[in-house]
Amino acid sequence: MTKEQLNKMQTPFKEKYRLSPSTAQTKLAARAVLGADITCKNMIGNHNVEMGMHPGVGGGLENICPATVFLDSLAACAGIVMGAVATHMGMEIRSGAVGVEGDLDLRGTLGVADNAEVGFKDIRMSVVIDTDASKQEINTLLKMTERYCVVYQTLAKPPKIHLELNSRKSKSDE
């Protein structure tokens, strides 16, 4: 995509949101349907994806682990933003990749050690790009990727999360 094509695609949205900030507010949603053998099915786009436990806590090797999908989301978001920023900057990236690794202590997830945290302790991102851009342009690209990547910023500045339970009684409970 060229810079002109990207600008043509995004300019109407930018103008609309500048004139009416409330129209920029959007809600994204996800839904997991509980499945057999401690799995969940998620519709991601038009794809029905079954996810399950990580093999390190009893899941099978065929399972897609939601924690891995979490890291995949960070890598994809950063890659998409990086491509858009590079396009706006007029920077040619011939090829590139964003890698993300996260460290977990599975004892926390299994509840076998009170001092073991649940969740990622450290997350590392690495970027490899093939470009003739200057070091300054690459530094700007990385700073802008951090600034505009939704998943990155959500991790850097976590939102409040609210958990609500809506239950239905089964006939045997009546």
Foldseek 3Di string as FASTA:
>chain_A
DALVVLCVVCVVVVVVCVVPVVVPDDDDDWDWPADPPAWTWTCDPPDTAIAHDDVVQPDDPPHDHVLVVLQVLQFVLLVVQLVNVCNNVVWDWPDKGKDKDFDADCCQVVVNDPPGHGDTPDMDMDMDTDTPDDPVVVVVSVVSSCVPRPSNVCVVPPDDDDDDDDDDDDPVVD
